[in-house]
């Protein structure tokens, strides 16, 4: 049975490589090859393919947004993420229930194998991508725990409100403390985490998975 496929990737050389997949698997027919997320959605609506092979890092509309729209509309097209994106983005794809995930480092035969599996309603998840994503998640969790162990409960509450972008006055109102107390907590936070100010604190909290 022929598998109708649409390819979405911003790089022409990548699309050209995927378009050669029929040489390795004559059962896969590429209906359209596009360069951004908006065009990917339009192609899905127009051609109603069996599978959409797409990168996460697409212009105009990122790949995960395209997947989300396909899921919301309950379209029959099955998305396969074909990417070299960051562990955080890969984790998001997994959280969304994407059945196919294949790294760009794989040969065409592996990409075809993934497409076939997803077409047959089976999961095919790239081991390298998923293990890196899980390792990253565990590292972030450990770092987040380390922050919570260093800061007191009130200091952590202040830090999280800083992360939300609140000024000292609003933090004081939210926590029912004085503005001077907020400044004192911030002074202690900066000392404990060896930071020099507000922006380094925000970056530190983001990097350590504190939310």
N, C-alpha and C. Protein backbone atom coordinates (compact mmCIF):
# COMPACT_ATOMS: atom_id res chain seq x y z
N UNK A 1 0.84 -1.20 0.00
CA UNK A 1 0.00 0.00 0.00
C UNK A 1 0.88 1.26 0.00
N UNK A 2 0.52 2.24 -0.82
CA UNK A 2 1.30 3.48 -0.89
C UNK A 2 1.01 4.38 0.31
N UNK A 3 2.08 4.93 0.90
CA UNK A 3 1.96 5.89 2.00
C UNK A 3 2.17 7.28 1.42
N UNK A 4 1.14 8.10 1.47
CA UNK A 4 1.24 9.48 0.97
C UNK A 4 1.88 10.36 2.04
N UNK A 5 2.93 11.05 1.64
CA UNK A 5 3.76 11.80 2.60
C UNK A 5 3.91 13.26 2.19
N UNK A 6 3.92 14.15 3.19
CA UNK A 6 4.30 15.55 2.99
C UNK A 6 5.52 15.82 3.85
N UNK A 7 6.47 16.55 3.30
CA UNK A 7 7.71 16.88 4.01
C UNK A 7 7.74 18.38 4.30
N UNK A 8 8.09 18.74 5.53
CA UNK A 8 8.21 20.16 5.90
C UNK A 8 9.53 20.38 6.63
N UNK A 9 10.43 21.12 5.97
CA UNK A 9 11.72 21.45 6.56
C UNK A 9 12.20 22.76 5.94
N UNK A 10 12.83 23.60 6.74
CA UNK A 10 13.25 24.91 6.25
C UNK A 10 14.47 24.84 5.34
N UNK A 11 15.22 23.74 5.39
CA UNK A 11 16.46 23.64 4.63
C UNK A 11 16.25 22.87 3.32
N UNK A 12 16.50 23.52 2.18
CA UNK A 12 16.31 22.86 0.88
C UNK A 12 17.11 21.57 0.74
N UNK A 13 18.32 21.54 1.28
CA UNK A 13 19.15 20.35 1.14
C UNK A 13 18.55 19.17 1.90
N UNK A 14 17.92 19.45 3.03
CA UNK A 14 17.27 18.38 3.80
C UNK A 14 16.06 17.85 3.03
N UNK A 15 15.26 18.78 2.50
CA UNK A 15 14.08 18.36 1.73
C UNK A 15 14.50 17.54 0.51
N UNK A 16 15.57 17.97 -0.14
CA UNK A 16 16.05 17.25 -1.32
C UNK A 16 16.49 15.83 -0.93
N UNK A 17 17.11 15.70 0.23
CA UNK A 17 17.53 14.39 0.69
C UNK A 17 16.35 13.47 0.95
N UNK A 18 15.32 14.02 1.61
CA UNK A 18 14.13 13.22 1.91
C UNK A 18 13.40 12.84 0.63
N UNK A 19 13.42 13.72 -0.34
CA UNK A 19 12.71 13.44 -1.60
C UNK A 19 13.31 12.24 -2.35
N UNK A 20 14.52 11.84 -1.94
CA UNK A 20 15.16 10.66 -2.55
C UNK A 20 14.72 9.36 -1.86
N UNK A 21 13.87 9.49 -0.86
CA UNK A 21 13.49 8.32 -0.06
C UNK A 21 12.80 7.24 -0.89
N UNK A 22 12.14 7.65 -1.97
CA UNK A 22 11.43 6.68 -2.81
C UNK A 22 12.40 5.70 -3.46
N UNK A 23 13.65 6.10 -3.60
CA UNK A 23 14.66 5.19 -4.14
C UNK A 23 14.88 4.01 -3.20
N UNK A 24 14.70 4.27 -1.90
CA UNK A 24 14.89 3.22 -0.91
C UNK A 24 13.58 2.52 -0.58
N UNK A 25 12.48 3.21 -0.77
CA UNK A 25 11.17 2.64 -0.42
C UNK A 25 10.12 3.12 -1.41
N UNK A 26 9.80 2.32 -2.42
CA UNK A 26 8.83 2.72 -3.44
C UNK A 26 7.40 2.83 -2.92
N UNK A 27 7.16 2.38 -1.68
CA UNK A 27 5.81 2.46 -1.11
C UNK A 27 5.50 3.86 -0.55
N UNK A 28 6.50 4.72 -0.49
CA UNK A 28 6.31 6.07 0.02
C UNK A 28 6.26 7.06 -1.14
N UNK A 29 5.17 7.81 -1.21
CA UNK A 29 5.00 8.81 -2.28
C UNK A 29 4.93 10.20 -1.67
N UNK A 30 5.84 11.08 -2.07
CA UNK A 30 5.85 12.45 -1.54
C UNK A 30 4.90 13.31 -2.37
N UNK A 31 3.87 13.82 -1.71
CA UNK A 31 2.85 14.63 -2.39
C UNK A 31 3.25 16.10 -2.46
N UNK A 32 4.00 16.55 -1.45
CA UNK A 32 4.40 17.95 -1.41
C UNK A 32 5.59 18.10 -0.48
N UNK A 33 6.44 19.09 -0.76
CA UNK A 33 7.60 19.38 0.06
C UNK A 33 7.62 20.89 0.31
N UNK A 34 7.52 21.31 1.59
CA UNK A 34 7.35 22.72 1.91
C UNK A 34 8.40 23.20 2.91
N UNK A 35 8.50 24.52 3.05
CA UNK A 35 9.60 25.11 3.82
C UNK A 35 9.20 25.76 5.14
N UNK A 36 7.92 25.84 5.46
CA UNK A 36 7.52 26.45 6.73
C UNK A 36 6.24 25.82 7.27
N UNK A 37 5.91 26.18 8.52
CA UNK A 37 4.78 25.57 9.19
C UNK A 37 3.43 25.92 8.60
N UNK A 38 3.26 27.15 8.16
CA UNK A 38 1.99 27.55 7.55
C UNK A 38 1.73 26.75 6.27
N UNK A 39 2.77 26.62 5.45
CA UNK A 39 2.64 25.85 4.20
C UNK A 39 2.39 24.38 4.50
N UNK A 40 2.96 23.90 5.60
CA UNK A 40 2.74 22.51 5.98
C UNK A 40 1.27 22.25 6.28
N UNK A 41 0.66 23.17 7.04
CA UNK A 41 -0.76 23.01 7.36
C UNK A 41 -1.63 23.11 6.11
N UNK A 42 -1.29 24.04 5.24
CA UNK A 42 -2.04 24.18 3.99
C UNK A 42 -1.94 22.92 3.14
N UNK A 43 -0.73 22.34 3.09
CA UNK A 43 -0.53 21.11 2.31
C UNK A 43 -1.30 19.95 2.90
N UNK A 44 -1.36 19.88 4.23
CA UNK A 44 -2.12 18.82 4.90
C UNK A 44 -3.61 18.96 4.56
N UNK A 45 -4.11 20.19 4.62
CA UNK A 45 -5.52 20.43 4.29
C UNK A 45 -5.82 20.08 2.84
N UNK A 46 -4.90 20.42 1.95
CA UNK A 46 -5.13 20.21 0.52
C UNK A 46 -5.00 18.74 0.12
N UNK A 47 -3.94 18.08 0.60
CA UNK A 47 -3.64 16.73 0.13
C UNK A 47 -4.12 15.62 1.07
N UNK A 48 -4.37 15.97 2.34
CA UNK A 48 -4.78 14.98 3.34
C UNK A 48 -3.88 13.74 3.31
N UNK A 49 -2.58 13.93 3.52
CA UNK A 49 -1.64 12.81 3.44
C UNK A 49 -1.80 11.85 4.61
N UNK A 50 -1.19 10.69 4.46
CA UNK A 50 -1.19 9.72 5.57
C UNK A 50 -0.25 10.18 6.67
N UNK A 51 0.91 10.71 6.26
CA UNK A 51 1.96 11.09 7.21
C UNK A 51 2.53 12.46 6.84
N UNK A 52 2.81 13.26 7.88
CA UNK A 52 3.51 14.54 7.70
C UNK A 52 4.85 14.42 8.41
N UNK A 53 5.92 14.49 7.65
CA UNK A 53 7.27 14.45 8.20
C UNK A 53 7.75 15.89 8.35
N UNK A 54 7.98 16.35 9.57
CA UNK A 54 8.29 17.77 9.76
C UNK A 54 9.32 18.00 10.85
N UNK A 55 10.09 19.06 10.66
CA UNK A 55 11.05 19.50 11.67
C UNK A 55 10.30 20.32 12.72
N UNK A 56 10.88 20.44 13.91
CA UNK A 56 10.30 21.31 14.95
C UNK A 56 10.59 22.77 14.62
N UNK A 57 11.82 23.05 14.20
CA UNK A 57 12.26 24.43 13.97
C UNK A 57 11.87 24.89 12.57
N UNK A 58 10.59 25.24 12.41
CA UNK A 58 10.09 25.75 11.13
C UNK A 58 9.78 27.23 11.25
N UNK A 59 10.00 28.02 10.19
CA UNK A 59 9.60 29.43 10.22
C UNK A 59 8.09 29.58 10.12
N UNK A 60 7.63 30.77 10.50
CA UNK A 60 6.22 31.17 10.45
C UNK A 60 5.35 30.43 11.47
N UNK A 61 5.52 29.12 11.56
CA UNK A 61 4.77 28.33 12.54
C UNK A 61 5.61 27.10 12.87
N UNK A 62 6.01 26.95 14.15
CA UNK A 62 6.91 25.85 14.47
C UNK A 62 6.21 24.50 14.37
N UNK A 63 7.01 23.45 14.26
CA UNK A 63 6.47 22.13 14.03
C UNK A 63 5.52 21.64 15.10
N UNK A 64 5.80 21.95 16.37
CA UNK A 64 4.92 21.50 17.44
C UNK A 64 3.57 22.20 17.39
N UNK A 65 3.56 23.46 16.93
CA UNK A 65 2.31 24.18 16.74
C UNK A 65 1.48 23.52 15.63
N UNK A 66 2.17 23.07 14.57
CA UNK A 66 1.49 22.37 13.48
C UNK A 66 0.88 21.06 13.99
N UNK A 67 1.65 20.32 14.77
CA UNK A 67 1.16 19.07 15.35
C UNK A 67 -0.06 19.32 16.23
N UNK A 68 0.02 20.37 17.05
CA UNK A 68 -1.09 20.74 17.93
C UNK A 68 -2.35 21.03 17.13
N UNK A 69 -2.20 21.74 16.01
CA UNK A 69 -3.35 22.08 15.17
C UNK A 69 -3.94 20.83 14.53
N UNK A 70 -3.10 19.93 14.10
CA UNK A 70 -3.58 18.67 13.52
C UNK A 70 -4.37 17.87 14.55
N UNK A 71 -3.87 17.86 15.79
CA UNK A 71 -4.57 17.14 16.86
C UNK A 71 -5.90 17.81 17.21
N UNK A 72 -5.90 19.14 17.26
CA UNK A 72 -7.13 19.86 17.58
C UNK A 72 -8.21 19.61 16.54
N UNK A 73 -7.82 19.60 15.28
CA UNK A 73 -8.78 19.40 14.18
C UNK A 73 -9.12 17.93 13.96
N UNK A 74 -8.40 17.06 14.70
CA UNK A 74 -8.60 15.62 14.58
C UNK A 74 -8.45 15.15 13.13
N UNK A 75 -7.39 15.66 12.48
CA UNK A 75 -7.12 15.27 11.11
C UNK A 75 -6.51 13.87 11.07
N UNK A 76 -6.70 13.19 9.97
CA UNK A 76 -6.23 11.79 9.88
C UNK A 76 -4.71 11.71 9.70
N UNK A 77 -4.09 12.80 9.27
CA UNK A 77 -2.64 12.82 9.01
C UNK A 77 -1.86 12.57 10.30
N UNK A 78 -0.91 11.65 10.23
CA UNK A 78 -0.09 11.31 11.40
C UNK A 78 1.25 12.06 11.31
N UNK A 79 1.58 12.87 12.30
CA UNK A 79 2.85 13.61 12.26
C UNK A 79 4.04 12.75 12.71
N UNK A 80 5.15 12.93 12.01
CA UNK A 80 6.43 12.34 12.40
C UNK A 80 7.42 13.49 12.53
N UNK A 81 8.01 13.63 13.71
CA UNK A 81 9.00 14.68 13.93
C UNK A 81 10.37 14.21 13.43
N UNK A 82 10.93 14.98 12.51
CA UNK A 82 12.24 14.68 11.91
C UNK A 82 13.15 15.85 12.27
N UNK A 83 14.02 15.65 13.26
CA UNK A 83 14.64 16.84 13.85
C UNK A 83 16.01 16.59 14.46
N UNK A 84 16.69 17.68 14.75
CA UNK A 84 17.91 17.65 15.57
C UNK A 84 17.76 18.70 16.66
N UNK A 85 16.53 18.92 17.09
CA UNK A 85 16.21 19.98 18.05
C UNK A 85 16.71 19.66 19.46
N UNK A 86 16.53 20.63 20.33
CA UNK A 86 17.00 20.53 21.71
C UNK A 86 16.19 19.50 22.49
N UNK A 87 16.78 18.94 23.56
CA UNK A 87 16.05 17.98 24.40
C UNK A 87 14.72 18.52 24.92
N UNK A 88 14.68 19.82 25.23
CA UNK A 88 13.43 20.41 25.73
C UNK A 88 12.32 20.31 24.69
N UNK A 89 12.64 20.61 23.43
CA UNK A 89 11.64 20.53 22.36
C UNK A 89 11.24 19.08 22.10
N UNK A 90 12.21 18.19 22.15
CA UNK A 90 11.91 16.76 21.97
C UNK A 90 10.98 16.28 23.08
N UNK A 91 11.24 16.73 24.30
CA UNK A 91 10.39 16.35 25.44
C UNK A 91 8.96 16.85 25.24
N UNK A 92 8.84 18.05 24.71
CA UNK A 92 7.51 18.60 24.43
C UNK A 92 6.78 17.75 23.40
N UNK A 93 7.52 17.31 22.38
CA UNK A 93 6.92 16.45 21.35
C UNK A 93 6.42 15.15 21.96
N UNK A 94 7.21 14.58 22.85
CA UNK A 94 6.81 13.34 23.52
C UNK A 94 5.58 13.56 24.39
N UNK A 95 5.57 14.69 25.09
CA UNK A 95 4.42 15.03 25.95
C UNK A 95 3.14 15.17 25.13
N UNK A 96 3.27 15.60 23.88
CA UNK A 96 2.11 15.78 23.01
C UNK A 96 1.62 14.45 22.43
N UNK A 97 2.37 13.38 22.70
CA UNK A 97 1.95 12.07 22.22
C UNK A 97 2.33 11.76 20.78
N UNK A 98 3.34 12.46 20.27
CA UNK A 98 3.80 12.19 18.91
C UNK A 98 4.29 10.74 18.82
N UNK A 99 3.81 10.02 17.82
CA UNK A 99 4.14 8.59 17.69
C UNK A 99 5.45 8.34 16.97
N UNK A 100 5.85 9.29 16.13
CA UNK A 100 7.08 9.11 15.36
C UNK A 100 8.08 10.21 15.64
N UNK A 101 9.30 9.82 15.99
CA UNK A 101 10.35 10.79 16.29
C UNK A 101 11.66 10.23 15.76
N UNK A 102 12.23 10.89 14.75
CA UNK A 102 13.45 10.37 14.13
C UNK A 102 14.46 11.50 13.96
N UNK A 103 15.70 11.24 14.34
CA UNK A 103 16.74 12.26 14.25
C UNK A 103 17.26 12.42 12.84
N UNK A 104 17.73 13.63 12.54
CA UNK A 104 18.24 13.92 11.20
C UNK A 104 19.56 13.20 10.89
N UNK A 105 20.17 12.63 11.92
CA UNK A 105 21.41 11.90 11.71
C UNK A 105 21.16 10.51 11.11
N UNK A 106 19.90 10.08 11.07
CA UNK A 106 19.58 8.74 10.59
C UNK A 106 19.60 8.64 9.07
N UNK A 107 19.95 7.46 8.53
CA UNK A 107 19.91 7.25 7.08
C UNK A 107 18.46 7.16 6.59
N UNK A 108 18.24 7.33 5.27
CA UNK A 108 16.88 7.28 4.72
C UNK A 108 16.11 6.00 5.07
N UNK A 109 16.82 4.88 5.17
CA UNK A 109 16.14 3.62 5.49
C UNK A 109 15.46 3.68 6.86
N UNK A 110 16.14 4.34 7.82
CA UNK A 110 15.56 4.47 9.17
C UNK A 110 14.37 5.41 9.16
N UNK A 111 14.48 6.48 8.38
CA UNK A 111 13.36 7.43 8.27
C UNK A 111 12.15 6.71 7.68
N UNK A 112 12.38 5.91 6.64
CA UNK A 112 11.30 5.14 6.02
C UNK A 112 10.69 4.15 7.01
N UNK A 113 11.55 3.53 7.82
CA UNK A 113 11.06 2.59 8.84
C UNK A 113 10.14 3.28 9.83
N UNK A 114 10.53 4.48 10.25
CA UNK A 114 9.71 5.27 11.18
C UNK A 114 8.37 5.61 10.55
N UNK A 115 8.40 6.06 9.30
CA UNK A 115 7.16 6.43 8.58
C UNK A 115 6.22 5.24 8.49
N UNK A 116 6.74 4.08 8.16
CA UNK A 116 5.92 2.87 8.06
C UNK A 116 5.30 2.51 9.40
N UNK A 117 6.08 2.59 10.47
CA UNK A 117 5.58 2.24 11.80
C UNK A 117 4.43 3.15 12.22
N UNK A 118 4.60 4.45 12.01
CA UNK A 118 3.55 5.40 12.39
C UNK A 118 2.31 5.19 11.52
N UNK A 119 2.52 4.94 10.23
CA UNK A 119 1.40 4.64 9.33
C UNK A 119 0.60 3.44 9.84
N UNK A 120 1.30 2.46 10.43
CA UNK A 120 0.66 1.25 10.96
C UNK A 120 0.20 1.42 12.41
N UNK A 121 0.13 2.69 12.86
CA UNK A 121 -0.31 3.02 14.22
C UNK A 121 0.60 2.44 15.30
N UNK A 122 1.89 2.37 15.00
CA UNK A 122 2.87 1.92 15.98
C UNK A 122 3.83 3.07 16.29
N UNK A 123 4.36 3.07 17.50
CA UNK A 123 5.32 4.10 17.88
C UNK A 123 6.70 3.75 17.34
N UNK A 124 7.41 4.80 16.91
CA UNK A 124 8.81 4.64 16.51
C UNK A 124 9.54 5.87 17.02
N UNK A 125 10.28 5.69 18.12
CA UNK A 125 10.95 6.82 18.78
C UNK A 125 12.46 6.62 18.74
N UNK A 126 13.13 7.58 18.17
CA UNK A 126 14.59 7.56 18.06
C UNK A 126 15.22 7.44 19.44
N UNK A 127 15.99 6.39 19.65
CA UNK A 127 16.55 6.12 20.97
C UNK A 127 17.50 7.22 21.43
N UNK A 128 18.33 7.72 20.51
CA UNK A 128 19.28 8.78 20.89
C UNK A 128 18.55 10.04 21.33
N UNK A 129 17.54 10.46 20.55
CA UNK A 129 16.81 11.68 20.88
C UNK A 129 16.06 11.54 22.20
N UNK A 130 15.39 10.42 22.39
CA UNK A 130 14.58 10.24 23.60
C UNK A 130 15.44 10.10 24.84
N UNK A 131 16.56 9.37 24.74
CA UNK A 131 17.42 9.20 25.91
C UNK A 131 18.07 10.53 26.31
N UNK A 132 18.46 11.33 25.32
CA UNK A 132 19.01 12.66 25.61
C UNK A 132 17.97 13.56 26.28
N UNK A 133 16.74 13.47 25.79
CA UNK A 133 15.66 14.29 26.35
C UNK A 133 15.37 13.90 27.80
N UNK A 134 15.33 12.59 28.06
CA UNK A 134 15.05 12.11 29.43
C UNK A 134 16.21 12.49 30.36
N UNK A 135 17.45 12.34 29.88
CA UNK A 135 18.61 12.72 30.70
C UNK A 135 18.58 14.20 31.04
N UNK A 136 18.22 15.03 30.04
CA UNK A 136 18.12 16.46 30.25
C UNK A 136 17.05 16.78 31.29
N UNK A 137 15.91 16.10 31.19
CA UNK A 137 14.82 16.33 32.13
C UNK A 137 15.25 15.98 33.55
N UNK A 138 15.95 14.86 33.71
CA UNK A 138 16.42 14.44 35.03
C UNK A 138 17.45 15.42 35.59
N UNK A 139 18.34 15.91 34.72
CA UNK A 139 19.33 16.91 35.15
C UNK A 139 18.65 18.18 35.64
N UNK A 140 17.64 18.62 34.87
CA UNK A 140 16.90 19.83 35.25
C UNK A 140 16.20 19.63 36.58
N UNK A 141 15.66 18.43 36.78
CA UNK A 141 14.95 18.13 38.02
C UNK A 141 15.92 18.20 39.21
N UNK A 142 17.13 17.63 39.01
CA UNK A 142 18.14 17.65 40.07
C UNK A 142 18.55 19.08 40.40
N UNK A 143 18.76 19.88 39.34
CA UNK A 143 19.16 21.27 39.54
C UNK A 143 18.07 22.06 40.26
N UNK A 144 16.83 21.79 39.86
CA UNK A 144 15.69 22.46 40.49
C UNK A 144 15.63 22.11 41.98
N UNK A 145 15.86 20.82 42.28
CA UNK A 145 15.85 20.39 43.68
C UNK A 145 16.97 21.08 44.45
N UNK A 146 18.14 21.24 43.80
CA UNK A 146 19.27 21.89 44.47
C UNK A 146 18.92 23.32 44.85
N UNK A 147 18.24 24.04 43.95
CA UNK A 147 17.83 25.42 44.23
C UNK A 147 16.87 25.46 45.42
N UNK A 148 15.91 24.55 45.43
CA UNK A 148 14.91 24.54 46.51
C UNK A 148 15.56 24.18 47.85
N UNK A 149 16.67 23.46 47.81
CA UNK A 149 17.35 23.10 49.06
C UNK A 149 18.20 24.26 49.59
N UNK A 150 18.68 25.11 48.67
CA UNK A 150 19.53 26.25 49.08
C UNK A 150 18.68 27.39 49.61
N UNK A 151 17.56 27.67 48.95
CA UNK A 151 16.72 28.80 49.34
C UNK A 151 15.65 28.40 50.34
N UNK A 152 15.27 29.35 51.20
CA UNK A 152 14.14 29.11 52.09
C UNK A 152 12.84 29.15 51.29
N UNK A 153 11.76 28.72 51.89
CA UNK A 153 10.48 28.72 51.19
C UNK A 153 10.08 30.13 50.75
N UNK A 154 10.29 31.11 51.60
CA UNK A 154 9.92 32.48 51.27
C UNK A 154 10.85 33.05 50.17
N UNK A 155 12.13 32.74 50.26
CA UNK A 155 13.07 33.19 49.23
C UNK A 155 12.72 32.58 47.87
N UNK A 156 12.32 31.32 47.88
CA UNK A 156 11.93 30.67 46.63
C UNK A 156 10.67 31.31 46.06
N UNK A 157 9.73 31.68 46.93
CA UNK A 157 8.50 32.35 46.49
C UNK A 157 8.83 33.69 45.83
N UNK A 158 9.76 34.43 46.44
CA UNK A 158 10.18 35.71 45.87
C UNK A 158 10.86 35.48 44.52
N UNK A 159 11.74 34.49 44.45
CA UNK A 159 12.46 34.19 43.21
C UNK A 159 11.50 33.84 42.08
N UNK A 160 10.48 33.06 42.37
CA UNK A 160 9.51 32.66 41.34
C UNK A 160 8.71 33.86 40.83
N UNK A 161 8.43 34.81 41.71
CA UNK A 161 7.71 36.01 41.28
C UNK A 161 8.62 36.92 40.46
N UNK A 162 9.90 36.91 40.76
CA UNK A 162 10.88 37.62 39.92
C UNK A 162 10.87 37.01 38.52
N UNK A 163 10.79 35.69 38.47
CA UNK A 163 10.75 34.96 37.20
C UNK A 163 9.51 35.35 36.38
N UNK A 164 8.43 35.67 37.08
CA UNK A 164 7.20 36.11 36.40
C UNK A 164 7.29 37.56 35.92
N UNK A 165 8.35 38.27 36.34
CA UNK A 165 8.55 39.64 35.90
C UNK A 165 7.94 40.69 36.80
N UNK A 166 7.55 40.32 38.02
CA UNK A 166 6.92 41.28 38.93
C UNK A 166 7.97 42.19 39.58
N UNK A 167 7.65 43.48 39.72
CA UNK A 167 8.54 44.39 40.45
C UNK A 167 8.42 44.15 41.95
N UNK A 168 9.36 44.72 42.71
CA UNK A 168 9.39 44.47 44.16
C UNK A 168 8.08 44.84 44.85
N UNK A 169 7.49 45.96 44.43
CA UNK A 169 6.26 46.42 45.09
C UNK A 169 5.13 45.41 44.94
N UNK A 170 4.98 44.86 43.74
CA UNK A 170 3.92 43.87 43.49
C UNK A 170 4.22 42.55 44.20
N UNK A 171 5.50 42.20 44.29
CA UNK A 171 5.88 41.00 45.02
C UNK A 171 5.50 41.16 46.49
N UNK A 172 5.77 42.34 47.03
CA UNK A 172 5.44 42.62 48.43
C UNK A 172 3.94 42.48 48.67
N UNK A 173 3.14 43.02 47.75
CA UNK A 173 1.67 42.92 47.87
C UNK A 173 1.23 41.47 47.77
N UNK A 174 1.79 40.74 46.80
CA UNK A 174 1.39 39.34 46.58
C UNK A 174 1.70 38.47 47.81
N UNK A 175 2.85 38.72 48.44
CA UNK A 175 3.26 37.89 49.57
C UNK A 175 2.89 38.50 50.93
N UNK A 176 2.26 39.68 50.86
CA UNK A 176 1.81 40.34 52.09
C UNK A 176 2.98 40.65 53.03
N UNK A 177 4.06 41.17 52.42
CA UNK A 177 5.23 41.58 53.19
C UNK A 177 5.62 42.99 52.72
N UNK A 178 6.56 43.61 53.42
CA UNK A 178 6.98 44.96 53.03
C UNK A 178 7.96 44.89 51.85
N UNK A 179 8.06 46.03 51.15
CA UNK A 179 8.99 46.10 50.02
C UNK A 179 10.42 45.94 50.50
N UNK A 180 10.69 46.45 51.70
CA UNK A 180 12.03 46.31 52.28
C UNK A 180 12.38 44.84 52.54
N UNK A 181 11.38 44.08 52.96
CA UNK A 181 11.60 42.65 53.21
C UNK A 181 11.89 41.91 51.90
N UNK A 182 11.21 42.32 50.83
CA UNK A 182 11.48 41.74 49.51
C UNK A 182 12.93 41.98 49.13
N UNK A 183 13.40 43.22 49.32
CA UNK A 183 14.78 43.57 48.97
C UNK A 183 15.77 42.74 49.80
N UNK A 184 15.43 42.51 51.08
CA UNK A 184 16.29 41.72 51.95
C UNK A 184 16.36 40.27 51.47
N UNK A 185 15.19 39.72 51.10
CA UNK A 185 15.15 38.35 50.57
C UNK A 185 15.99 38.25 49.29
N UNK A 186 15.87 39.26 48.42
CA UNK A 186 16.64 39.26 47.17
C UNK A 186 18.14 39.30 47.46
N UNK A 187 18.52 40.11 48.45
CA UNK A 187 19.93 40.20 48.82
C UNK A 187 20.46 38.84 49.25
N UNK A 188 19.67 38.11 50.05
CA UNK A 188 20.06 36.78 50.50
C UNK A 188 20.12 35.78 49.34
N UNK A 189 19.14 35.90 48.42
CA UNK A 189 19.11 35.01 47.25
C UNK A 189 20.36 35.20 46.41
N UNK A 190 20.70 36.47 46.12
CA UNK A 190 21.88 36.77 45.32
C UNK A 190 23.14 36.20 45.99
N UNK A 191 23.22 36.35 47.31
CA UNK A 191 24.40 35.86 48.04
C UNK A 191 24.50 34.33 47.95
N UNK A 192 23.37 33.66 48.21
CA UNK A 192 23.37 32.19 48.24
C UNK A 192 23.68 31.58 46.87
N UNK A 193 23.20 32.23 45.81
CA UNK A 193 23.37 31.68 44.46
C UNK A 193 24.54 32.31 43.72
N UNK A 194 25.27 33.20 44.42
CA UNK A 194 26.43 33.90 43.83
C UNK A 194 26.05 34.64 42.55
N UNK A 195 24.97 35.41 42.61
CA UNK A 195 24.48 36.17 41.48
C UNK A 195 24.61 37.66 41.73
N UNK A 196 24.58 38.43 40.65
CA UNK A 196 24.84 39.88 40.78
C UNK A 196 23.58 40.74 40.65
N UNK A 197 22.44 40.15 40.32
CA UNK A 197 21.25 40.97 40.16
C UNK A 197 20.07 40.21 39.61
N UNK A 198 19.07 40.98 39.23
CA UNK A 198 17.77 40.45 38.83
C UNK A 198 17.82 39.59 37.56
N UNK A 199 18.45 40.12 36.49
CA UNK A 199 18.49 39.39 35.23
C UNK A 199 19.30 38.10 35.35
N UNK A 200 20.48 38.12 35.99
CA UNK A 200 21.19 36.86 36.20
C UNK A 200 20.35 35.85 36.99
N UNK A 201 19.52 36.34 37.92
CA UNK A 201 18.66 35.44 38.70
C UNK A 201 17.62 34.78 37.78
N UNK A 202 17.00 35.58 36.91
CA UNK A 202 16.01 35.04 35.98
C UNK A 202 16.63 33.97 35.09
N UNK A 203 17.80 34.26 34.53
CA UNK A 203 18.49 33.30 33.67
C UNK A 203 18.86 32.04 34.44
N UNK A 204 19.30 32.22 35.67
CA UNK A 204 19.69 31.09 36.52
C UNK A 204 18.48 30.18 36.78
N UNK A 205 17.36 30.77 37.12
CA UNK A 205 16.16 29.99 37.42
C UNK A 205 15.66 29.25 36.16
N UNK A 206 15.72 29.91 35.01
CA UNK A 206 15.31 29.27 33.75
C UNK A 206 16.21 28.09 33.43
N UNK A 207 17.52 28.30 33.60
CA UNK A 207 18.48 27.24 33.28
C UNK A 207 18.38 26.05 34.23
N UNK A 208 17.88 26.30 35.42
CA UNK A 208 17.79 25.23 36.42
C UNK A 208 16.38 24.68 36.56
N UNK A 209 15.54 24.98 35.61
CA UNK A 209 14.22 24.35 35.56
C UNK A 209 13.27 24.76 36.67
N UNK A 210 13.48 25.94 37.25
CA UNK A 210 12.57 26.42 38.29
C UNK A 210 11.41 27.17 37.65
N UNK A 211 10.19 26.79 38.00
CA UNK A 211 9.01 27.44 37.41
C UNK A 211 7.95 27.66 38.47
